[in-house]
Amino acid sequence: RGDLVRVHRLGAQSPWPGIAHALVRPDGYVGYLARGTDLTGL
């Protein structure tokens, strides 16, 4: 799905503290959100 999903590594410049991952939809809303590095839910 690389043509439809762009990856951004935010480091500390993030709205979420710590380690988390979020999938943002094309309209700018968060579709999926989770803490940690387990990408199973994503």
Full PDB file with SEQRES, HELIX, SHEET, SSBOND, CRYST1, ORIGX, SCALE, CONECT and MASTER records, all heavy atoms in Angstrom:
SEQRES   1 A   42  ARG GLY ASP LEU VAL ARG VAL HIS ARG LEU GLY ALA GLN          
SEQRES   2 A   42  SER PRO TRP PRO GLY ILE ALA HIS ALA LEU VAL ARG PRO          
SEQRES   3 A   42  ASP GLY TYR VAL GLY TYR LEU ALA ARG GLY THR ASP LEU          
SEQRES   4 A   42  THR GLY LEU                                                  
SHEET    1 AA1 2 ALA A  20  VAL A  24  0                                        
SHEET    2 AA1 2 VAL A  30  ARG A  35 -1                                        
CRYST1    1.000    1.000    1.000  90.00  90.00  90.00 P 1           1          
ORIGX1      1.000000  0.000000  0.000000        0.00000                         
ORIGX2      0.000000  1.000000  0.000000        0.00000                         
ORIGX3      0.000000  0.000000  1.000000        0.00000                         
SCALE1      1.000000  0.000000  0.000000        0.00000                         
SCALE2      0.000000  1.000000  0.000000        0.00000                         
SCALE3      0.000000  0.000000  1.000000        0.00000                         
ATOM      1  N   ARG A   1       0.821  -1.215   0.000  1.00  0.00           N  
ATOM      2  CA  ARG A   1       0.000   0.000   0.000  1.00  0.00           C  
ATOM      3  C   ARG A   1       0.853   1.263   0.000  1.00  0.00           C  
ATOM      4  O   ARG A   1       0.369   2.337   0.346  1.00  0.00           O  
ATOM      5  CB  ARG A   1      -0.917   0.008   1.217  1.00  0.00           C  
ATOM      6  CG  ARG A   1      -1.882  -1.178   1.287  1.00  0.00           C  
ATOM      7  CD  ARG A   1      -2.727  -1.076   2.539  1.00  0.00           C  
ATOM      8  NE  ARG A   1      -3.692  -2.156   2.655  1.00  0.00           N  
ATOM      9  CZ  ARG A   1      -3.469  -3.303   3.294  1.00  0.00           C  
ATOM     10  NH1 ARG A   1      -2.272  -3.517   3.869  1.00  0.00           N  
ATOM     11  NH2 ARG A   1      -4.409  -4.222   3.363  1.00  0.00           N  
ATOM     12  N   GLY A   2       2.097   1.166  -0.369  1.00  0.00           N  
ATOM     13  CA  GLY A   2       2.996   2.310  -0.313  1.00  0.00           C  
ATOM     14  C   GLY A   2       2.556   3.489  -1.146  1.00  0.00           C  
ATOM     15  O   GLY A   2       2.900   4.636  -0.848  1.00  0.00           O  
ATOM     16  N   ASP A   3       1.770   3.248  -2.203  1.00  0.00           N  
ATOM     17  CA  ASP A   3       1.297   4.351  -3.041  1.00  0.00           C  
ATOM     18  C   ASP A   3       0.148   5.121  -2.399  1.00  0.00           C  
ATOM     19  O   ASP A   3      -0.186   6.219  -2.848  1.00  0.00           O  
ATOM     20  CB  ASP A   3       0.841   3.825  -4.411  1.00  0.00           C  
ATOM     21  CG  ASP A   3       2.028   3.450  -5.291  1.00  0.00           C  
ATOM     22  OD1 ASP A   3       3.161   3.803  -4.924  1.00  0.00           O  
ATOM     23  OD2 ASP A   3       1.812   2.801  -6.323  1.00  0.00           O  
ATOM     24  N   LEU A   4      -0.470   4.548  -1.370  1.00  0.00           N  
ATOM     25  CA  LEU A   4      -1.600   5.195  -0.726  1.00  0.00           C  
ATOM     26  C   LEU A   4      -1.326   5.611   0.717  1.00  0.00           C  
ATOM     27  O   LEU A   4      -2.114   6.349   1.301  1.00  0.00           O  
ATOM     28  CB  LEU A   4      -2.824   4.270  -0.736  1.00  0.00           C  
ATOM     29  CG  LEU A   4      -3.556   4.122  -2.058  1.00  0.00           C  
ATOM     30  CD1 LEU A   4      -4.678   3.105  -1.932  1.00  0.00           C  
ATOM     31  CD2 LEU A   4      -4.108   5.454  -2.519  1.00  0.00           C  
ATOM     32  N   VAL A   5      -0.243   5.144   1.294  1.00  0.00           N  
ATOM     33  CA  VAL A   5       0.083   5.459   2.692  1.00  0.00           C  
ATOM     34  C   VAL A   5       1.504   6.011   2.745  1.00  0.00           C  
ATOM     35  O   VAL A   5       2.465   5.315   2.390  1.00  0.00           O  
ATOM     36  CB  VAL A   5      -0.029   4.211   3.590  1.00  0.00           C  
ATOM     37  CG1 VAL A   5       0.288   4.582   5.044  1.00  0.00           C  
ATOM     38  CG2 VAL A   5      -1.409   3.588   3.492  1.00  0.00           C  
ATOM     39  N   ARG A   6       1.644   7.229   3.199  1.00  0.00           N  
ATOM     40  CA  ARG A   6       2.950   7.859   3.349  1.00  0.00           C  
ATOM     41  C   ARG A   6       3.370   7.799   4.813  1.00  0.00           C  
ATOM     42  O   ARG A   6       2.557   8.023   5.702  1.00  0.00           O  
ATOM     43  CB  ARG A   6       2.911   9.307   2.854  1.00  0.00           C  
ATOM     44  CG  ARG A   6       2.528   9.423   1.388  1.00  0.00           C  
ATOM     45  CD  ARG A   6       2.638  10.850   0.878  1.00  0.00           C  
ATOM     46  NE  ARG A   6       2.232  10.944  -0.510  1.00  0.00           N  
ATOM     47  CZ  ARG A   6       3.042  10.683  -1.543  1.00  0.00           C  
ATOM     48  NH1 ARG A   6       4.291  10.326  -1.311  1.00  0.00           N  
ATOM     49  NH2 ARG A   6       2.605  10.793  -2.779  1.00  0.00           N  
ATOM     50  N   VAL A   7       4.627   7.498   5.043  1.00  0.00           N  
ATOM     51  CA  VAL A   7       5.146   7.305   6.397  1.00  0.00           C  
ATOM     52  C   VAL A   7       5.916   8.544   6.842  1.00  0.00           C  
ATOM     53  O   VAL A   7       6.734   9.084   6.097  1.00  0.00           O  
ATOM     54  CB  VAL A   7       6.055   6.064   6.457  1.00  0.00           C  
ATOM     55  CG1 VAL A   7       6.592   5.871   7.879  1.00  0.00           C  
ATOM     56  CG2 VAL A   7       5.290   4.821   6.003  1.00  0.00           C  
ATOM     57  N   HIS A   8       5.643   8.998   8.067  1.00  0.00           N  
ATOM     58  CA  HIS A   8       6.320  10.165   8.641  1.00  0.00           C  
ATOM     59  C   HIS A   8       6.856   9.778  10.021  1.00  0.00           C  
ATOM     60  O   HIS A   8       6.101   9.304  10.879  1.00  0.00           O  
ATOM     61  CB  HIS A   8       5.362  11.348   8.784  1.00  0.00           C  
ATOM     62  CG  HIS A   8       4.647  11.707   7.518  1.00  0.00           C  
ATOM     63  ND1 HIS A   8       5.132  12.643   6.636  1.00  0.00           N  
ATOM     64  CD2 HIS A   8       3.480  11.245   6.989  1.00  0.00           C  
ATOM     65  CE1 HIS A   8       4.301  12.751   5.619  1.00  0.00           C  
ATOM     66  NE2 HIS A   8       3.288  11.923   5.809  1.00  0.00           N  
ATOM     67  N   ARG A   9       8.144   9.973  10.229  1.00  0.00           N  
ATOM     68  CA  ARG A   9       8.762   9.722  11.527  1.00  0.00           C  
ATOM     69  C   ARG A   9       8.872  11.061  12.250  1.00  0.00           C  
ATOM     70  O   ARG A   9       9.662  11.923  11.863  1.00  0.00           O  
ATOM     71  CB  ARG A   9      10.124   9.071  11.331  1.00  0.00           C  
ATOM     72  CG  ARG A   9      10.039   7.757  10.542  1.00  0.00           C  
ATOM     73  CD  ARG A   9      11.415   7.205  10.190  1.00  0.00           C  
ATOM     74  NE  ARG A   9      11.279   6.053   9.314  1.00  0.00           N  
ATOM     75  CZ  ARG A   9      11.099   4.806   9.747  1.00  0.00           C  
ATOM     76  NH1 ARG A   9      11.065   4.573  11.058  1.00  0.00           N  
ATOM     77  NH2 ARG A   9      10.974   3.806   8.900  1.00  0.00           N  
ATOM     78  N   LEU A  10       8.084  11.203  13.295  1.00  0.00           N  
ATOM     79  CA  LEU A  10       7.959  12.500  13.946  1.00  0.00           C  
ATOM     80  C   LEU A  10       8.947  12.707  15.083  1.00  0.00           C  
ATOM     81  O   LEU A  10       9.209  13.848  15.464  1.00  0.00           O  
ATOM     82  CB  LEU A  10       6.530  12.677  14.486  1.00  0.00           C  
ATOM     83  CG  LEU A  10       5.403  12.562  13.467  1.00  0.00           C  
ATOM     84  CD1 LEU A  10       4.070  12.832  14.148  1.00  0.00           C  
ATOM     85  CD2 LEU A  10       5.606  13.510  12.299  1.00  0.00           C  
ATOM     86  N   GLY A  11       9.474  11.640  15.664  1.00  0.00           N  
ATOM     87  CA  GLY A  11      10.350  11.815  16.817  1.00  0.00           C  
ATOM     88  C   GLY A  11       9.597  12.472  17.957  1.00  0.00           C  
ATOM     89  O   GLY A  11       8.471  12.107  18.296  1.00  0.00           O  
ATOM     90  N   ALA A  12      10.195  13.511  18.517  1.00  0.00           N  
ATOM     91  CA  ALA A  12       9.551  14.218  19.636  1.00  0.00           C  
ATOM     92  C   ALA A  12       8.560  15.273  19.156  1.00  0.00           C  
ATOM     93  O   ALA A  12       7.773  15.794  19.956  1.00  0.00           O  
ATOM     94  CB  ALA A  12      10.612  14.868  20.515  1.00  0.00           C  
ATOM     95  N   GLN A  13       8.588  15.626  17.859  1.00  0.00           N  
ATOM     96  CA  GLN A  13       7.661  16.645  17.327  1.00  0.00           C  
ATOM     97  C   GLN A  13       6.317  15.995  17.021  1.00  0.00           C  
ATOM     98  O   GLN A  13       5.929  15.830  15.877  1.00  0.00           O  
ATOM     99  CB  GLN A  13       8.262  17.275  16.066  1.00  0.00           C  
ATOM    100  CG  GLN A  13       9.573  17.991  16.294  1.00  0.00           C  
ATOM    101  CD  GLN A  13       9.400  19.217  17.179  1.00  0.00           C  
ATOM    102  OE1 GLN A  13       8.401  19.918  17.112  1.00  0.00           O  
ATOM    103  NE2 GLN A  13      10.389  19.477  18.018  1.00  0.00           N  
ATOM    104  N   SER A  14       5.593  15.619  18.075  1.00  0.00           N  
ATOM    105  CA  SER A  14       4.378  14.848  17.915  1.00  0.00           C  
ATOM    106  C   SER A  14       3.310  15.308  18.892  1.00  0.00           C  
ATOM    107  O   SER A  14       3.629  15.759  19.994  1.00  0.00           O  
ATOM    108  CB  SER A  14       4.684  13.358  18.159  1.00  0.00           C  
ATOM    109  OG  SER A  14       3.496  12.611  18.338  1.00  0.00           O  
ATOM    110  N   PRO A  15       2.045  15.191  18.513  1.00  0.00           N  
ATOM    111  CA  PRO A  15       0.968  15.511  19.464  1.00  0.00           C  
ATOM    112  C   PRO A  15       0.828  14.473  20.570  1.00  0.00           C  
ATOM    113  O   PRO A  15       0.128  14.710  21.555  1.00  0.00           O  
ATOM    114  CB  PRO A  15      -0.289  15.533  18.595  1.00  0.00           C  
ATOM    115  CG  PRO A  15       0.189  15.563  17.177  1.00  0.00           C  
ATOM    116  CD  PRO A  15       1.517  14.902  17.179  1.00  0.00           C  
ATOM    117  N   TRP A  16       1.473  13.296  20.392  1.00  0.00           N  
ATOM    118  CA  TRP A  16       1.369  12.225  21.373  1.00  0.00           C  
ATOM    119  C   TRP A  16       2.727  11.988  22.033  1.00  0.00           C  
ATOM    120  O   TRP A  16       3.733  11.763  21.352  1.00  0.00           O  
ATOM    121  CB  TRP A  16       0.904  10.921  20.705  1.00  0.00           C  
ATOM    122  CG  TRP A  16      -0.402  11.056  20.011  1.00  0.00           C  
ATOM    123  CD1 TRP A  16      -1.647  10.973  20.561  1.00  0.00           C  
ATOM    124  CD2 TRP A  16      -0.617  11.284  18.610  1.00  0.00           C  
ATOM    125  NE1 TRP A  16      -2.616  11.143  19.610  1.00  0.00           N  
ATOM    126  CE2 TRP A  16      -2.015  11.330  18.394  1.00  0.00           C  
ATOM    127  CE3 TRP A  16       0.237  11.444  17.513  1.00  0.00           C  
ATOM    128  CZ2 TRP A  16      -2.575  11.544  17.143  1.00  0.00           C  
ATOM    129  CZ3 TRP A  16      -0.320  11.667  16.269  1.00  0.00           C  
ATOM    130  CH2 TRP A  16      -1.705  11.709  16.086  1.00  0.00           C  
ATOM    131  N   PRO A  17       2.799  12.026  23.354  1.00  0.00           N  
ATOM    132  CA  PRO A  17       4.072  11.756  24.027  1.00  0.00           C  
ATOM    133  C   PRO A  17       4.426  10.273  23.976  1.00  0.00           C  
ATOM    134  O   PRO A  17       3.545   9.416  23.871  1.00  0.00           O  
ATOM    135  CB  PRO A  17       3.796  12.212  25.466  1.00  0.00           C  
ATOM    136  CG  PRO A  17       2.319  12.043  25.637  1.00  0.00           C  
ATOM    137  CD  PRO A  17       1.716  12.349  24.292  1.00  0.00           C  
ATOM    138  N   GLY A  18       5.711   9.990  24.025  1.00  0.00           N  
ATOM    139  CA  GLY A  18       6.139   8.597  24.034  1.00  0.00           C  
ATOM    140  C   GLY A  18       6.090   7.966  22.660  1.00  0.00           C  
ATOM    141  O   GLY A  18       6.152   8.638  21.625  1.00  0.00           O  
ATOM    142  N   ILE A  19       5.946   6.648  22.664  1.00  0.00           N  
ATOM    143  CA  ILE A  19       5.937   5.871  21.421  1.00  0.00           C  
ATOM    144  C   ILE A  19       4.497   5.550  21.044  1.00  0.00           C  
ATOM    145  O   ILE A  19       3.760   4.933  21.813  1.00  0.00           O  
ATOM    146  CB  ILE A  19       6.751   4.577  21.571  1.00  0.00           C  
ATOM    147  CG1 ILE A  19       8.213   4.897  21.920  1.00  0.00           C  
ATOM    148  CG2 ILE A  19       6.687   3.752  20.295  1.00  0.00           C  
ATOM    149  CD1 ILE A  19       9.065   3.677  22.175  1.00  0.00           C  
ATOM    150  N   ALA A  20       4.092   5.972  19.881  1.00  0.00           N  
ATOM    151  CA  ALA A  20       2.728   5.732  19.403  1.00  0.00           C  
ATOM    152  C   ALA A  20       2.724   5.760  17.886  1.00  0.00           C  
ATOM    153  O   ALA A  20       3.709   6.178  17.247  1.00  0.00           O  
ATOM    154  CB  ALA A  20       1.764   6.779  19.963  1.00  0.00           C  
ATOM    155  N   HIS A  21       1.642   5.302  17.296  1.00  0.00           N  
ATOM    156  CA  HIS A  21       1.486   5.396  15.849  1.00  0.00           C  
ATOM    157  C   HIS A  21       0.033   5.735  15.533  1.00  0.00           C  
ATOM    158  O   HIS A  21      -0.900   5.314  16.226  1.00  0.00           O  
ATOM    159  CB  HIS A  21       1.903   4.102  15.134  1.00  0.00           C  
ATOM    160  CG  HIS A  21       1.211   2.866  15.619  1.00  0.00           C  
ATOM    161  ND1 HIS A  21       1.533   2.237  16.813  1.00  0.00           N  
ATOM    162  CD2 HIS A  21       0.201   2.129  15.071  1.00  0.00           C  
ATOM    163  CE1 HIS A  21       0.777   1.169  16.972  1.00  0.00           C  
ATOM    164  NE2 HIS A  21      -0.044   1.076  15.934  1.00  0.00           N  
ATOM    165  N   ALA A  22      -0.135   6.544  14.493  1.00  0.00           N  
ATOM    166  CA  ALA A  22      -1.460   7.011  14.092  1.00  0.00           C  
ATOM    167  C   ALA A  22      -1.560   7.018  12.586  1.00  0.00           C  
ATOM    168  O   ALA A  22      -0.594   7.354  11.883  1.00  0.00           O  
ATOM    169  CB  ALA A  22      -1.735   8.409  14.644  1.00  0.00           C  
ATOM    170  N   LEU A  23      -2.738   6.665  12.099  1.00  0.00           N  
ATOM    171  CA  LEU A  23      -3.005   6.720  10.666  1.00  0.00           C  
ATOM    172  C   LEU A  23      -3.981   7.864  10.422  1.00  0.00           C  
ATOM    173  O   LEU A  23      -5.107   7.859  10.938  1.00  0.00           O  
ATOM    174  CB  LEU A  23      -3.612   5.400  10.175  1.00  0.00           C  
ATOM    175  CG  LEU A  23      -3.791   5.286   8.655  1.00  0.00           C  
ATOM    176  CD1 LEU A  23      -2.432   5.198   7.969  1.00  0.00           C  
ATOM    177  CD2 LEU A  23      -4.654   4.068   8.298  1.00  0.00           C  
ATOM    178  N   VAL A  24      -3.541   8.857   9.654  1.00  0.00           N  
ATOM    179  CA  VAL A  24      -4.346  10.041   9.383  1.00  0.00           C  
ATOM    180  C   VAL A  24      -4.996   9.897   8.009  1.00  0.00           C  
ATOM    181  O   VAL A  24      -4.328   9.570   7.017  1.00  0.00           O  
ATOM    182  CB  VAL A  24      -3.494  11.316   9.441  1.00  0.00           C  
ATOM    183  CG1 VAL A  24      -4.327  12.550   9.129  1.00  0.00           C  
ATOM    184  CG2 VAL A  24      -2.848  11.454  10.814  1.00  0.00           C  
ATOM    185  N   ARG A  25      -6.288  10.136   7.950  1.00  0.00           N  
ATOM    186  CA  ARG A  25      -7.036  10.000   6.715  1.00  0.00           C  
ATOM    187  C   ARG A  25      -6.756  11.166   5.764  1.00  0.00           C  
ATOM    188  O   ARG A  25      -6.209  12.187   6.178  1.00  0.00           O  
ATOM    189  CB  ARG A  25      -8.538   9.935   7.020  1.00  0.00           C  
ATOM    190  CG  ARG A  25      -8.893   8.958   8.101  1.00  0.00           C  
ATOM    191  CD  ARG A  25     -10.365   8.833   8.384  1.00  0.00           C  
ATOM    192  NE  ARG A  25     -11.177  10.005   8.199  1.00  0.00           N  
ATOM    193  CZ  ARG A  25     -12.483  10.054   8.435  1.00  0.00           C  
ATOM    194  NH1 ARG A  25     -13.105   8.975   8.893  1.00  0.00           N  
ATOM    195  NH2 ARG A  25     -13.178  11.154   8.246  1.00  0.00           N  
ATOM    196  N   PRO A  26      -7.149  11.061   4.508  1.00  0.00           N  
ATOM    197  CA  PRO A  26      -6.934  12.166   3.562  1.00  0.00           C  
ATOM    198  C   PRO A  26      -7.618  13.467   3.942  1.00  0.00           C  
ATOM    199  O   PRO A  26      -7.210  14.530   3.470  1.00  0.00           O  
ATOM    200  CB  PRO A  26      -7.497  11.606   2.247  1.00  0.00           C  
ATOM    201  CG  PRO A  26      -7.337  10.125   2.365  1.00  0.00           C  
ATOM    202  CD  PRO A  26      -7.603   9.829   3.809  1.00  0.00           C  
ATOM    203  N   ASP A  27      -8.665  13.423   4.790  1.00  0.00           N  
ATOM    204  CA  ASP A  27      -9.325  14.661   5.193  1.00  0.00           C  
ATOM    205  C   ASP A  27      -8.730  15.254   6.461  1.00  0.00           C  
ATOM    206  O   ASP A  27      -9.263  16.225   7.006  1.00  0.00           O  
ATOM    207  CB  ASP A  27     -10.828  14.443   5.368  1.00  0.00           C  
ATOM    208  CG  ASP A  27     -11.153  13.377   6.415  1.00  0.00           C  
ATOM    209  OD1 ASP A  27     -10.220  12.746   6.935  1.00  0.00           O  
ATOM    210  OD2 ASP A  27     -12.354  13.187   6.714  1.00  0.00           O  
ATOM    211  N   GLY A  28      -7.606  14.699   6.947  1.00  0.00           N  
ATOM    212  CA  GLY A  28      -6.918  15.279   8.091  1.00  0.00           C  
ATOM    213  C   GLY A  28      -7.405  14.796   9.444  1.00  0.00           C  
ATOM    214  O   GLY A  28      -7.020  15.353  10.471  1.00  0.00           O  
ATOM    215  N   TYR A  29      -8.226  13.758   9.475  1.00  0.00           N  
ATOM    216  CA  TYR A  29      -8.718  13.205  10.740  1.00  0.00           C  
ATOM    217  C   TYR A  29      -8.004  11.890  11.042  1.00  0.00           C  
ATOM    218  O   TYR A  29      -7.654  11.124  10.140  1.00  0.00           O  
ATOM    219  CB  TYR A  29     -10.230  12.989  10.691  1.00  0.00           C  
ATOM    220  CG  TYR A  29     -11.009  14.273  10.869  1.00  0.00           C  
ATOM    221  CD1 TYR A  29     -11.198  15.151   9.799  1.00  0.00           C  
ATOM    222  CD2 TYR A  29     -11.535  14.624  12.106  1.00  0.00           C  
ATOM    223  CE1 TYR A  29     -11.903  16.342   9.971  1.00  0.00           C  
ATOM    224  CE2 TYR A  29     -12.235  15.811  12.283  1.00  0.00           C  
ATOM    225  CZ  TYR A  29     -12.417  16.660  11.213  1.00  0.00           C  
ATOM    226  OH  TYR A  29     -13.100  17.847  11.387  1.00  0.00           O  
ATOM    227  N   VAL A  30      -7.805  11.643  12.337  1.00  0.00           N  
ATOM    228  CA  VAL A  30      -7.111  10.435  12.763  1.00  0.00           C  
ATOM    229  C   VAL A  30      -8.060   9.244  12.626  1.00  0.00           C  
ATOM    230  O   VAL A  30      -9.126   9.204  13.257  1.00  0.00           O  
ATOM    231  CB  VAL A  30      -6.640  10.562  14.223  1.00  0.00           C  
ATOM    232  CG1 VAL A  30      -5.938   9.282  14.669  1.00  0.00           C  
ATOM    233  CG2 VAL A  30      -5.704  11.762  14.373  1.00  0.00           C  
ATOM    234  N   GLY A  31      -7.671   8.267  11.807  1.00  0.00           N  
ATOM    235  CA  GLY A  31      -8.497   7.080  11.612  1.00  0.00           C  
ATOM    236  C   GLY A  31      -8.181   5.981  12.596  1.00  0.00           C  
ATOM    237  O   GLY A  31      -9.078   5.355  13.158  1.00  0.00           O  
ATOM    238  N   TYR A  32      -6.876   5.754  12.814  1.00  0.00           N  
ATOM    239  CA  TYR A  32      -6.450   4.702  13.745  1.00  0.00           C  
ATOM    240  C   TYR A  32      -5.372   5.270  14.651  1.00  0.00           C  
ATOM    241  O   TYR A  32      -4.516   6.059  14.209  1.00  0.00           O  
ATOM    242  CB  TYR A  32      -5.911   3.490  12.986  1.00  0.00           C  
ATOM    243  CG  TYR A  32      -5.435   2.385  13.918  1.00  0.00           C  
ATOM    244  CD1 TYR A  32      -6.334   1.459  14.434  1.00  0.00           C  
ATOM    245  CD2 TYR A  32      -4.098   2.289  14.284  1.00  0.00           C  
ATOM    246  CE1 TYR A  32      -5.921   0.467  15.303  1.00  0.00           C  
ATOM    247  CE2 TYR A  32      -3.671   1.297  15.154  1.00  0.00           C  
ATOM    248  CZ  TYR A  32      -4.581   0.385  15.666  1.00  0.00           C  
ATOM    249  OH  TYR A  32      -4.163  -0.588  16.533  1.00  0.00           O  
ATOM    250  N   LEU A  33      -5.393   4.844  15.918  1.00  0.00           N  
ATOM    251  CA  LEU A  33      -4.420   5.349  16.884  1.00  0.00           C  
ATOM    252  C   LEU A  33      -4.129   4.270  17.918  1.00  0.00           C  
ATOM    253  O   LEU A  33      -5.042   3.604  18.413  1.00  0.00           O  
ATOM    254  CB  LEU A  33      -4.971   6.594  17.589  1.00  0.00           C  
ATOM    255  CG  LEU A  33      -4.138   7.181  18.733  1.00  0.00           C  
ATOM    256  CD1 LEU A  33      -2.806   7.716  18.204  1.00  0.00           C  
ATOM    257  CD2 LEU A  33      -4.908   8.280  19.449  1.00  0.00           C  
ATOM    258  N   ALA A  34      -2.857   4.108  18.239  1.00  0.00           N  
ATOM    259  CA  ALA A  34      -2.470   3.148  19.274  1.00  0.00           C  
ATOM    260  C   ALA A  34      -1.123   3.545  19.851  1.00  0.00           C  
ATOM    261  O   ALA A  34      -0.319   4.232  19.202  1.00  0.00           O  
ATOM    262  CB  ALA A  34      -2.413   1.726  18.711  1.00  0.00           C  
ATOM    263  N   ARG A  35      -0.878   3.092  21.075  1.00  0.00           N  
ATOM    264  CA  ARG A  35       0.407   3.320  21.737  1.00  0.00           C  
ATOM    265  C   ARG A  35       1.282   2.092  21.537  1.00  0.00           C  
ATOM    266  O   ARG A  35       0.801   0.964  21.468  1.00  0.00           O  
ATOM    267  CB  ARG A  35       0.157   3.584  23.232  1.00  0.00           C  
ATOM    268  CG  ARG A  35       1.374   3.967  24.035  1.00  0.00           C  
ATOM    269  CD  ARG A  35       0.950   4.715  25.309  1.00  0.00           C  
ATOM    270  NE  ARG A  35      -0.052   3.997  26.067  1.00  0.00           N  
ATOM    271  CZ  ARG A  35       0.209   3.225  27.120  1.00  0.00           C  
ATOM    272  NH1 ARG A  35       1.459   3.078  27.538  1.00  0.00           N  
ATOM    273  NH2 ARG A  35      -0.768   2.611  27.770  1.00  0.00           N  
ATOM    274  N   GLY A  36       2.601   2.326  21.442  1.00  0.00           N  
ATOM    275  CA  GLY A  36       3.528   1.224  21.275  1.00  0.00           C  
ATOM    276  C   GLY A  36       3.876   0.963  19.827  1.00  0.00           C  
ATOM    277  O   GLY A  36       3.453   1.680  18.916  1.00  0.00           O  
ATOM    278  N   THR A  37       4.643  -0.097  19.609  1.00  0.00           N  
ATOM    279  CA  THR A  37       5.156  -0.414  18.272  1.00  0.00           C  
ATOM    280  C   THR A  37       4.472  -1.616  17.629  1.00  0.00           C  
ATOM    281  O   THR A  37       4.834  -1.994  16.519  1.00  0.00           O  
ATOM    282  CB  THR A  37       6.663  -0.683  18.347  1.00  0.00           C  
ATOM    283  OG1 THR A  37       6.900  -1.786  19.246  1.00  0.00           O  
ATOM    284  CG2 THR A  37       7.417   0.545  18.847  1.00  0.00           C  
ATOM    285  N   ASP A  38       3.520  -2.212  18.295  1.00  0.00           N  
ATOM    286  CA  ASP A  38       2.807  -3.355  17.720  1.00  0.00           C  
ATOM    287  C   ASP A  38       1.836  -2.844  16.659  1.00  0.00           C  
ATOM    288  O   ASP A  38       0.868  -2.147  16.959  1.00  0.00           O  
ATOM    289  CB  ASP A  38       2.056  -4.102  18.818  1.00  0.00           C  
ATOM    290  CG  ASP A  38       1.394  -5.380  18.299  1.00  0.00           C  
ATOM    291  OD1 ASP A  38       1.473  -5.638  17.071  1.00  0.00           O  
ATOM    292  OD2 ASP A  38       0.788  -6.100  19.109  1.00  0.00           O  
ATOM    293  N   LEU A  39       2.087  -3.192  15.403  1.00  0.00           N  
ATOM    294  CA  LEU A  39       1.282  -2.702  14.284  1.00  0.00           C  
ATOM    295  C   LEU A  39       0.178  -3.669  13.867  1.00  0.00           C  
ATOM    296  O   LEU A  39      -0.408  -3.508  12.796  1.00  0.00           O  
ATOM    297  CB  LEU A  39       2.185  -2.412  13.084  1.00  0.00           C  
ATOM    298  CG  LEU A  39       3.300  -1.380  13.309  1.00  0.00           C  
ATOM    299  CD1 LEU A  39       4.120  -1.198  12.039  1.00  0.00           C  
ATOM    300  CD2 LEU A  39       2.721  -0.055  13.769  1.00  0.00           C  
ATOM    301  N   THR A  40      -0.117  -4.649  14.711  1.00  0.00           N  
ATOM    302  CA  THR A  40      -1.146  -5.634  14.355  1.00  0.00           C  
ATOM    303  C   THR A  40      -2.506  -4.965  14.138  1.00  0.00           C  
ATOM    304  O   THR A  40      -3.205  -5.238  13.155  1.00  0.00           O  
ATOM    305  CB  THR A  40      -1.266  -6.702  15.455  1.00  0.00           C  
ATOM    306  OG1 THR A  40       0.010  -7.324  15.658  1.00  0.00           O  
ATOM    307  CG2 THR A  40      -2.288  -7.757  15.058  1.00  0.00           C  
ATOM    308  N   GLY A  41      -2.892  -4.085  15.064  1.00  0.00           N  
ATOM    309  CA  GLY A  41      -4.175  -3.398  14.927  1.00  0.00           C  
ATOM    310  C   GLY A  41      -4.226  -2.512  13.695  1.00  0.00           C  
ATOM    311  O   GLY A  41      -5.255  -2.408  13.030  1.00  0.00           O  
ATOM    312  N   LEU A  42      -3.115  -1.869  13.389  1.00  0.00           N  
ATOM    313  CA  LEU A  42      -3.047  -1.026  12.194  1.00  0.00           C  
ATOM    314  C   LEU A  42      -3.248  -1.860  10.936  1.00  0.00           C  
ATOM    315  O   LEU A  42      -3.994  -1.456  10.024  1.00  0.00           O  
ATOM    316  CB  LEU A  42      -1.700  -0.306  12.138  1.00  0.00           C  
ATOM    317  CG  LEU A  42      -1.417   0.454  10.842  1.00  0.00           C  
ATOM    318  CD1 LEU A  42      -2.359   1.643  10.699  1.00  0.00           C  
ATOM    319  CD2 LEU A  42       0.041   0.923  10.797  1.00  0.00           C  
TER     320      LEU A  42                                                      
MASTER        0    0    0    0    2    0    0    6  319    1    0    4          
END                                                                             
